[in-house]
C-alpha atoms as a PDB file:
ATOM      1  CA  UNK A   1      19.127   7.623  18.147  1.00  0.00           C
ATOM      2  CA  UNK A   2      17.249   6.796  14.962  1.00  0.00           C
ATOM      3  CA  UNK A   3      17.704   9.222  12.090  1.00  0.00           C
ATOM      4  CA  UNK A   4      15.029   9.801   9.480  1.00  0.00           C
ATOM      5  CA  UNK A   5      16.491   9.704   5.950  1.00  0.00           C
ATOM      6  CA  UNK A   6      16.788  13.216   4.576  1.00  0.00           C
ATOM      7  CA  UNK A   7      15.523  12.541   1.079  1.00  0.00           C
ATOM      8  CA  UNK A   8      12.700  10.608  -0.469  1.00  0.00           C
ATOM      9  CA  UNK A   9      15.148   8.322  -2.269  1.00  0.00           C
ATOM     10  CA  UNK A  10      16.933   7.445   0.959  1.00  0.00           C
ATOM     11  CA  UNK A  11      13.650   6.924   2.808  1.00  0.00           C
ATOM     12  CA  UNK A  12      12.306   4.571   0.160  1.00  0.00           C
ATOM     13  CA  UNK A  13      15.587   2.658  -0.070  1.00  0.00           C
ATOM     14  CA  UNK A  14      16.034   2.147   3.649  1.00  0.00           C
ATOM     15  CA  UNK A  15      12.362   1.415   4.263  1.00  0.00           C
ATOM     16  CA  UNK A  16      12.096  -1.155   1.505  1.00  0.00           C
ATOM     17  CA  UNK A  17      15.403  -2.743   2.540  1.00  0.00           C
ATOM     18  CA  UNK A  18      14.528  -2.965   6.226  1.00  0.00           C
ATOM     19  CA  UNK A  19      10.987  -4.376   6.000  1.00  0.00           C
ATOM     20  CA  UNK A  20      10.256  -7.597   4.118  1.00  0.00           C
ATOM     21  CA  UNK A  21       7.185  -6.990   2.012  1.00  0.00           C
ATOM     22  CA  UNK A  22       7.661 -10.239   0.090  1.00  0.00           C
ATOM     23  CA  UNK A  23      10.101 -13.050  -0.517  1.00  0.00           C
ATOM     24  CA  UNK A  24      11.155 -11.711  -3.909  1.00  0.00           C
ATOM     25  CA  UNK A  25      13.984  -9.430  -4.916  1.00  0.00           C
ATOM     26  CA  UNK A  26      11.435  -6.719  -5.661  1.00  0.00           C
ATOM     27  CA  UNK A  27      10.170  -5.479  -2.247  1.00  0.00           C
ATOM     28  CA  UNK A  28       6.808  -4.514  -3.722  1.00  0.00           C
ATOM     29  CA  UNK A  29       6.191  -7.446  -6.052  1.00  0.00           C
ATOM     30  CA  UNK A  30       7.488 -10.849  -7.055  1.00  0.00           C
ATOM     31  CA  UNK A  31      10.489 -11.851  -9.104  1.00  0.00           C
ATOM     32  CA  UNK A  32      10.289 -14.589 -11.693  1.00  0.00           C
ATOM     33  CA  UNK A  33       9.371 -17.935 -10.189  1.00  0.00           C
ATOM     34  CA  UNK A  34       8.491 -16.584  -6.746  1.00  0.00           C
ATOM     35  CA  UNK A  35       4.948 -15.874  -5.540  1.00  0.00           C
ATOM     36  CA  UNK A  36       4.108 -12.504  -4.102  1.00  0.00           C
ATOM     37  CA  UNK A  37       3.297 -12.253  -0.418  1.00  0.00           C
ATOM     38  CA  UNK A  38      -0.538 -11.981  -0.200  1.00  0.00           C
ATOM     39  CA  UNK A  39      -0.188  -9.858   2.930  1.00  0.00           C
ATOM     40  CA  UNK A  40       1.880  -7.189   1.198  1.00  0.00           C
ATOM     41  CA  UNK A  41       0.336  -4.049  -0.324  1.00  0.00           C
ATOM     42  CA  UNK A  42      -0.521  -4.879  -3.905  1.00  0.00           C
ATOM     43  CA  UNK A  43       0.577  -2.139  -6.302  1.00  0.00           C
ATOM     44  CA  UNK A  44      -1.762  -3.399  -9.030  1.00  0.00           C
ATOM     45  CA  UNK A  45      -4.993  -5.018  -7.893  1.00  0.00           C
ATOM     46  CA  UNK A  46      -7.024  -4.786 -11.066  1.00  0.00           C
ATOM     47  CA  UNK A  47      -6.527  -4.598 -14.829  1.00  0.00           C
ATOM     48  CA  UNK A  48      -4.854  -1.471 -16.116  1.00  0.00           C
ATOM     49  CA  UNK A  49      -7.179   1.286 -17.199  1.00  0.00           C
ATOM     50  CA  UNK A  50      -6.638   4.329 -19.383  1.00  0.00           C
ATOM     51  CA  UNK A  51      -5.121   7.081 -17.282  1.00  0.00           C
ATOM     52  CA  UNK A  52      -7.752   9.556 -16.153  1.00  0.00           C
ATOM     53  CA  UNK A  53      -7.322  13.249 -15.701  1.00  0.00           C
ATOM     54  CA  UNK A  54      -6.340  14.208 -12.169  1.00  0.00           C
ATOM     55  CA  UNK A  55      -9.271  15.282  -9.968  1.00  0.00           C
ATOM     56  CA  UNK A  56      -9.764  19.042  -9.891  1.00  0.00           C
ATOM     57  CA  UNK A  57      -8.369  21.090  -7.025  1.00  0.00           C
ATOM     58  CA  UNK A  58     -11.924  21.384  -5.738  1.00  0.00           C
ATOM     59  CA  UNK A  59     -11.765  17.681  -4.776  1.00  0.00           C
ATOM     60  CA  UNK A  60      -8.747  18.256  -2.555  1.00  0.00           C
ATOM     61  CA  UNK A  61     -10.411  21.366  -1.196  1.00  0.00           C
ATOM     62  CA  UNK A  62     -13.532  19.397  -0.318  1.00  0.00           C
ATOM     63  CA  UNK A  63     -11.491  16.734   1.474  1.00  0.00           C
ATOM     64  CA  UNK A  64      -9.552  19.394   3.346  1.00  0.00           C
ATOM     65  CA  UNK A  65     -12.738  21.193   4.353  1.00  0.00           C
ATOM     66  CA  UNK A  66     -14.339  17.942   5.521  1.00  0.00           C
ATOM     67  CA  UNK A  67     -11.279  17.126   7.624  1.00  0.00           C
ATOM     68  CA  UNK A  68     -11.162  20.588   9.189  1.00  0.00           C
ATOM     69  CA  UNK A  69     -14.858  20.384  10.013  1.00  0.00           C
ATOM     70  CA  UNK A  70     -14.400  16.962  11.635  1.00  0.00           C
ATOM     71  CA  UNK A  71     -11.530  18.310  13.742  1.00  0.00           C
ATOM     72  CA  UNK A  72     -13.580  21.364  14.735  1.00  0.00           C
ATOM     73  CA  UNK A  73     -16.412  19.073  15.837  1.00  0.00           C
ATOM     74  CA  UNK A  74     -14.038  17.256  18.164  1.00  0.00           C
ATOM     75  CA  UNK A  75     -13.130  14.186  16.127  1.00  0.00           C
ATOM     76  CA  UNK A  76      -9.686  13.019  17.181  1.00  0.00           C
ATOM     77  CA  UNK A  77      -7.070  11.783  14.716  1.00  0.00           C
ATOM     78  CA  UNK A  78      -6.141   8.165  15.349  1.00  0.00           C
ATOM     79  CA  UNK A  79      -3.022   6.071  15.265  1.00  0.00           C
ATOM     80  CA  UNK A  80      -2.963   3.958  12.076  1.00  0.00           C
ATOM     81  CA  UNK A  81      -3.343   0.952  14.394  1.00  0.00           C
ATOM     82  CA  UNK A  82      -6.631   2.197  15.826  1.00  0.00           C
ATOM     83  CA  UNK A  83      -8.689   3.791  13.064  1.00  0.00           C
ATOM     84  CA  UNK A  84     -12.108   4.833  14.318  1.00  0.00           C
ATOM     85  CA  UNK A  85     -15.068   2.527  13.614  1.00  0.00           C
ATOM     86  CA  UNK A  86     -18.339   1.956  15.403  1.00  0.00           C
ATOM     87  CA  UNK A  87     -18.638  -1.315  17.312  1.00  0.00           C
ATOM     88  CA  UNK A  88     -20.121  -3.340  14.442  1.00  0.00           C
ATOM     89  CA  UNK A  89     -17.533  -2.078  11.968  1.00  0.00           C
ATOM     90  CA  UNK A  90     -14.705  -2.698  14.450  1.00  0.00           C
ATOM     91  CA  UNK A  91     -15.774  -6.352  14.604  1.00  0.00           C
ATOM     92  CA  UNK A  92     -15.769  -6.642  10.818  1.00  0.00           C
ATOM     93  CA  UNK A  93     -12.406  -4.917  10.556  1.00  0.00           C
ATOM     94  CA  UNK A  94     -10.949  -7.249  13.206  1.00  0.00           C
ATOM     95  CA  UNK A  95     -12.308 -10.295  11.354  1.00  0.00           C
ATOM     96  CA  UNK A  96     -10.332  -9.284   8.257  1.00  0.00           C
ATOM     97  CA  UNK A  97      -7.178 -10.250  10.148  1.00  0.00           C
ATOM     98  CA  UNK A  98      -8.540 -13.719  11.025  1.00  0.00           C
ATOM     99  CA  UNK A  99      -6.830 -16.694   9.437  1.00  0.00           C
ATOM    100  CA  UNK A 100      -8.848 -18.603   6.865  1.00  0.00           C
ATOM    101  CA  UNK A 101      -8.522 -21.436   4.356  1.00  0.00           C
ATOM    102  CA  UNK A 102     -10.854 -21.654   1.365  1.00  0.00           C
ATOM    103  CA  UNK A 103     -11.372 -23.912  -1.622  1.00  0.00           C
ATOM    104  CA  UNK A 104     -13.910 -22.850  -4.225  1.00  0.00           C
ATOM    105  CA  UNK A 105     -14.165 -24.400  -7.689  1.00  0.00           C
ATOM    106  CA  UNK A 106     -16.549 -22.517  -9.977  1.00  0.00           C
ATOM    107  CA  UNK A 107     -18.583 -21.762  -6.861  1.00  0.00           C
ATOM    108  CA  UNK A 108     -21.251 -19.072  -7.284  1.00  0.00           C
ATOM    109  CA  UNK A 109     -20.009 -15.836  -5.737  1.00  0.00           C
ATOM    110  CA  UNK A 110     -23.046 -15.579  -3.468  1.00  0.00           C
ATOM    111  CA  UNK A 111     -22.460 -19.089  -2.094  1.00  0.00           C
ATOM    112  CA  UNK A 112     -18.756 -18.445  -1.543  1.00  0.00           C
ATOM    113  CA  UNK A 113     -19.505 -15.270   0.385  1.00  0.00           C
ATOM    114  CA  UNK A 114     -22.172 -17.008   2.473  1.00  0.00           C
ATOM    115  CA  UNK A 115     -19.526 -19.550   3.464  1.00  0.00           C
ATOM    116  CA  UNK A 116     -17.082 -16.823   4.516  1.00  0.00           C
ATOM    117  CA  UNK A 117     -19.833 -14.946   6.352  1.00  0.00           C
ATOM    118  CA  UNK A 118     -20.693 -18.046   8.392  1.00  0.00           C
ATOM    119  CA  UNK A 119     -17.054 -18.969   9.047  1.00  0.00           C
ATOM    120  CA  UNK A 120     -16.128 -15.519  10.358  1.00  0.00           C
ATOM    121  CA  UNK A 121     -19.505 -14.494  11.803  1.00  0.00           C
ATOM    122  CA  UNK A 122     -19.743 -11.201   9.939  1.00  0.00           C
ATOM    123  CA  UNK A 123     -22.514  -9.831   7.700  1.00  0.00           C
ATOM    124  CA  UNK A 124     -21.588  -9.794   4.002  1.00  0.00           C
ATOM    125  CA  UNK A 125     -23.930  -8.448   1.323  1.00  0.00           C
ATOM    126  CA  UNK A 126     -23.543  -8.092  -2.434  1.00  0.00           C
ATOM    127  CA  UNK A 127     -24.202  -4.782  -4.162  1.00  0.00           C
ATOM    128  CA  UNK A 128     -26.292  -6.352  -6.931  1.00  0.00           C
ATOM    129  CA  UNK A 129     -26.992  -3.068  -8.704  1.00  0.00           C
ATOM    130  CA  UNK A 130     -23.289  -2.248  -9.005  1.00  0.00           C
ATOM    131  CA  UNK A 131     -22.518  -5.749 -10.304  1.00  0.00           C
ATOM    132  CA  UNK A 132     -25.259  -5.483 -12.910  1.00  0.00           C
ATOM    133  CA  UNK A 133     -23.645  -2.314 -14.224  1.00  0.00           C
ATOM    134  CA  UNK A 134     -20.547  -4.295 -15.243  1.00  0.00           C
ATOM    135  CA  UNK A 135     -22.480  -7.322 -16.495  1.00  0.00           C
ATOM    136  CA  UNK A 136     -22.091  -9.599 -13.469  1.00  0.00           C
ATOM    137  CA  UNK A 137     -24.552 -11.252 -11.108  1.00  0.00           C
ATOM    138  CA  UNK A 138     -24.323 -13.060  -7.778  1.00  0.00           C
ATOM    139  CA  UNK A 139     -24.074 -16.399  -9.583  1.00  0.00           C
ATOM    140  CA  UNK A 140     -20.744 -15.678 -11.276  1.00  0.00           C
ATOM    141  CA  UNK A 141     -18.330 -18.518 -10.533  1.00  0.00           C
ATOM    142  CA  UNK A 142     -15.165 -18.128  -8.447  1.00  0.00           C
ATOM    143  CA  UNK A 143     -12.267 -20.561  -8.324  1.00  0.00           C
ATOM    144  CA  UNK A 144      -9.612 -20.213  -5.646  1.00  0.00           C
ATOM    145  CA  UNK A 145      -7.668 -22.441  -3.246  1.00  0.00           C
ATOM    146  CA  UNK A 146      -5.873 -20.792  -0.310  1.00  0.00           C
ATOM    147  CA  UNK A 147      -4.526 -22.113   2.964  1.00  0.00           C
ATOM    148  CA  UNK A 148      -3.800 -20.181   6.152  1.00  0.00           C
ATOM    149  CA  UNK A 149      -4.094 -16.630   4.869  1.00  0.00           C
ATOM    150  CA  UNK A 150      -5.959 -13.687   6.348  1.00  0.00           C
ATOM    151  CA  UNK A 151      -9.574 -13.132   5.372  1.00  0.00           C
ATOM    152  CA  UNK A 152      -8.436  -9.761   3.982  1.00  0.00           C
ATOM    153  CA  UNK A 153      -5.965 -11.419   1.614  1.00  0.00           C
ATOM    154  CA  UNK A 154      -8.466 -14.113   0.617  1.00  0.00           C
ATOM    155  CA  UNK A 155     -11.093 -11.526  -0.302  1.00  0.00           C
ATOM    156  CA  UNK A 156      -8.651  -9.434  -2.324  1.00  0.00           C
ATOM    157  CA  UNK A 157      -7.427 -12.439  -4.283  1.00  0.00           C
ATOM    158  CA  UNK A 158     -10.917 -13.844  -4.823  1.00  0.00           C
ATOM    159  CA  UNK A 159     -12.475 -10.574  -5.947  1.00  0.00           C
ATOM    160  CA  UNK A 160      -9.783  -8.854  -7.975  1.00  0.00           C
ATOM    161  CA  UNK A 161     -10.173 -10.921 -11.172  1.00  0.00           C
ATOM    162  CA  UNK A 162     -13.846  -9.922 -11.203  1.00  0.00           C
ATOM    163  CA  UNK A 163     -12.895  -6.249 -10.797  1.00  0.00           C
ATOM    164  CA  UNK A 164     -14.670  -6.303  -7.437  1.00  0.00           C
ATOM    165  CA  UNK A 165     -13.653  -5.212  -3.958  1.00  0.00           C
ATOM    166  CA  UNK A 166     -15.137  -4.876  -0.488  1.00  0.00           C
ATOM    167  CA  UNK A 167     -16.019  -1.909   1.663  1.00  0.00           C
ATOM    168  CA  UNK A 168     -17.212  -1.641   5.236  1.00  0.00           C
ATOM    169  CA  UNK A 169     -20.309   0.539   5.248  1.00  0.00           C
ATOM    170  CA  UNK A 170     -23.592   0.707   7.148  1.00  0.00           C
ATOM    171  CA  UNK A 171     -22.320  -1.887   9.638  1.00  0.00           C
ATOM    172  CA  UNK A 172     -21.884  -4.623   7.012  1.00  0.00           C
ATOM    173  CA  UNK A 173     -19.231  -5.683   4.550  1.00  0.00           C
ATOM    174  CA  UNK A 174     -20.414  -4.825   1.070  1.00  0.00           C
ATOM    175  CA  UNK A 175     -19.042  -6.582  -2.008  1.00  0.00           C
ATOM    176  CA  UNK A 176     -19.134  -4.123  -4.867  1.00  0.00           C
ATOM    177  CA  UNK A 177     -17.306  -2.922  -7.958  1.00  0.00           C
ATOM    178  CA  UNK A 178     -14.091  -0.954  -7.759  1.00  0.00           C
ATOM    179  CA  UNK A 179     -15.868   1.971  -9.404  1.00  0.00           C
ATOM    180  CA  UNK A 180     -18.686   1.959  -6.829  1.00  0.00           C
ATOM    181  CA  UNK A 181     -16.187   1.745  -3.961  1.00  0.00           C
ATOM    182  CA  UNK A 182     -14.328   4.736  -5.383  1.00  0.00           C
ATOM    183  CA  UNK A 183     -17.589   6.677  -5.256  1.00  0.00           C
ATOM    184  CA  UNK A 184     -17.919   5.881  -1.534  1.00  0.00           C
ATOM    185  CA  UNK A 185     -14.592   7.034  -0.148  1.00  0.00           C
ATOM    186  CA  UNK A 186     -13.900   6.904   3.583  1.00  0.00           C
ATOM    187  CA  UNK A 187     -12.190   9.822   5.332  1.00  0.00           C
ATOM    188  CA  UNK A 188      -9.659   8.932   8.023  1.00  0.00           C
ATOM    189  CA  UNK A 189      -7.183  11.111   9.934  1.00  0.00           C
ATOM    190  CA  UNK A 190      -3.925   9.720  11.279  1.00  0.00           C
ATOM    191  CA  UNK A 191      -1.499  11.251  13.766  1.00  0.00           C
ATOM    192  CA  UNK A 192       2.099  11.468  12.565  1.00  0.00           C
ATOM    193  CA  UNK A 193       5.044  11.650  14.989  1.00  0.00           C
ATOM    194  CA  UNK A 194       6.734  15.049  15.002  1.00  0.00           C
ATOM    195  CA  UNK A 195       9.754  13.986  12.954  1.00  0.00           C
ATOM    196  CA  UNK A 196       7.572  12.378  10.251  1.00  0.00           C
ATOM    197  CA  UNK A 197       5.102  15.275  10.276  1.00  0.00           C
ATOM    198  CA  UNK A 198       7.992  17.544   9.305  1.00  0.00           C
ATOM    199  CA  UNK A 199       8.434  15.397   6.181  1.00  0.00           C
ATOM    200  CA  UNK A 200       4.744  14.733   5.502  1.00  0.00           C
ATOM    201  CA  UNK A 201       5.093  15.466   1.780  1.00  0.00           C
ATOM    202  CA  UNK A 202       7.745  12.743   1.474  1.00  0.00           C
ATOM    203  CA  UNK A 203       5.652  10.302   3.501  1.00  0.00           C
ATOM    204  CA  UNK A 204       2.674  10.924   1.230  1.00  0.00           C
ATOM    205  CA  UNK A 205       4.761  10.557  -1.916  1.00  0.00           C
ATOM    206  CA  UNK A 206       6.245   7.232  -0.805  1.00  0.00           C
ATOM    207  CA  UNK A 207       2.867   5.905   0.372  1.00  0.00           C
ATOM    208  CA  UNK A 208       0.997   6.844  -2.804  1.00  0.00           C
ATOM    209  CA  UNK A 209       3.710   5.356  -5.022  1.00  0.00           C
ATOM    210  CA  UNK A 210       3.715   2.113  -3.003  1.00  0.00           C
ATOM    211  CA  UNK A 211       0.142   1.385  -1.913  1.00  0.00           C
ATOM    212  CA  UNK A 212      -2.097   0.708  -4.958  1.00  0.00           C
ATOM    213  CA  UNK A 213      -0.580   3.628  -6.920  1.00  0.00           C
ATOM    214  CA  UNK A 214      -3.345   3.938  -9.518  1.00  0.00           C
ATOM    215  CA  UNK A 215      -5.961   4.706  -6.883  1.00  0.00           C
ATOM    216  CA  UNK A 216      -4.404   8.080  -5.970  1.00  0.00           C
ATOM    217  CA  UNK A 217      -5.073  11.411  -7.625  1.00  0.00           C
ATOM    218  CA  UNK A 218      -1.483  11.687  -8.878  1.00  0.00           C
ATOM    219  CA  UNK A 219      -2.303   8.915 -11.376  1.00  0.00           C
ATOM    220  CA  UNK A 220      -5.857  10.018 -12.018  1.00  0.00           C
ATOM    221  CA  UNK A 221      -7.554   8.064  -9.236  1.00  0.00           C
ATOM    222  CA  UNK A 222     -10.133   9.345  -6.791  1.00  0.00           C
ATOM    223  CA  UNK A 223      -8.190   8.868  -3.554  1.00  0.00           C
ATOM    224  CA  UNK A 224      -6.530  11.805  -1.809  1.00  0.00           C
ATOM    225  CA  UNK A 225      -3.806  12.137   0.820  1.00  0.00           C
ATOM    226  CA  UNK A 226      -2.811  15.463   2.339  1.00  0.00           C
ATOM    227  CA  UNK A 227      -1.366  16.829   5.570  1.00  0.00           C
ATOM    228  CA  UNK A 228      -2.675  19.322   8.119  1.00  0.00           C
ATOM    229  CA  UNK A 229       0.200  20.014  10.518  1.00  0.00           C
ATOM    230  CA  UNK A 230       0.838  16.667  12.261  1.00  0.00           C
ATOM    231  CA  UNK A 231      -2.334  15.034  10.888  1.00  0.00           C
ATOM    232  CA  UNK A 232      -2.324  12.924   7.716  1.00  0.00           C
ATOM    233  CA  UNK A 233      -5.747  13.051   6.031  1.00  0.00           C
ATOM    234  CA  UNK A 234      -6.606  10.177   3.694  1.00  0.00           C
ATOM    235  CA  UNK A 235      -9.769   9.808   1.620  1.00  0.00           C
ATOM    236  CA  UNK A 236      -9.890   6.407  -0.068  1.00  0.00           C
ATOM    237  CA  UNK A 237     -11.679   3.049  -0.143  1.00  0.00           C
ATOM    238  CA  UNK A 238     -11.887   0.640   2.808  1.00  0.00           C
ATOM    239  CA  UNK A 239      -9.444  -1.780   1.210  1.00  0.00           C
ATOM    240  CA  UNK A 240      -6.851   0.878   0.411  1.00  0.00           C
ATOM    241  CA  UNK A 241      -7.214   2.300   3.934  1.00  0.00           C
ATOM    242  CA  UNK A 242      -6.289  -1.135   5.288  1.00  0.00           C
ATOM    243  CA  UNK A 243      -3.145  -1.230   3.153  1.00  0.00           C
ATOM    244  CA  UNK A 244      -2.275   2.394   3.951  1.00  0.00           C
ATOM    245  CA  UNK A 245      -2.609   1.693   7.669  1.00  0.00           C
ATOM    246  CA  UNK A 246      -0.205  -1.227   7.391  1.00  0.00           C
ATOM    247  CA  UNK A 247       2.295   0.933   5.530  1.00  0.00           C
ATOM    248  CA  UNK A 248       2.026   3.830   8.005  1.00  0.00           C
ATOM    249  CA  UNK A 249       2.229   1.523  11.025  1.00  0.00           C
ATOM    250  CA  UNK A 250       5.461   0.004   9.715  1.00  0.00           C
ATOM    251  CA  UNK A 251       6.865   3.430   8.878  1.00  0.00           C
ATOM    252  CA  UNK A 252       6.023   4.887  12.308  1.00  0.00           C
ATOM    253  CA  UNK A 253       7.319   1.823  14.152  1.00  0.00           C
ATOM    254  CA  UNK A 254      10.582   2.064  12.235  1.00  0.00           C
ATOM    255  CA  UNK A 255      11.197   5.816  12.112  1.00  0.00           C
ATOM    256  CA  UNK A 256       8.704   7.583  14.366  1.00  0.00           C
ATOM    257  CA  UNK A 257       9.882   9.382  17.504  1.00  0.00           C
END
């Protein structure tokens, strides 16, 4: 019988020891001379920013109220493996796991994205207004050379130096700024197994300290994670949802019962 570690320290130690996030000594990063695994959750995906004040309690209250309303209206919490999307968004989300190889040398961003859109048969649009707000346009050059990685990893690596990200909204993939994505958070509800639901606070603490830590409210970000009984409610960006789902899937596969 599998036993869930009793303390946060034990949970983090066993989890990080049992699952290979990367090839380095540091399970959440890379040691000197060794590249980080592009498939692993990236604890820092953009330049450091001054720490912001934590969102007011009203933000958590709004997320909680929204989740309760969704449950009352009959929306069912999902397994992290099967987050709810409409058909068009499911196709885009599935395409993010497709393997891709790209070589761009000072290629205009718009051209690079058109190439990826054609290769993976998904609609990709650029949020020009958001880019203008940070002094960029669709012609900004991108240089990257990757072989046999997921489209998700390729997009993260290509966009992060520009302080850009993607989000799945209105049945298309939108390329936008991190700030704009954080203003368009997605609410998702995940079912936790009974034994993990009993330790939901620990699960949340490990997840928010592992998956892009500076996006969560504990470090002044806009994203929120909270528990309602056996349901884990997460309000965050599309990209961070993807990484959170991977984390939760691994955790549930390893310790859930």
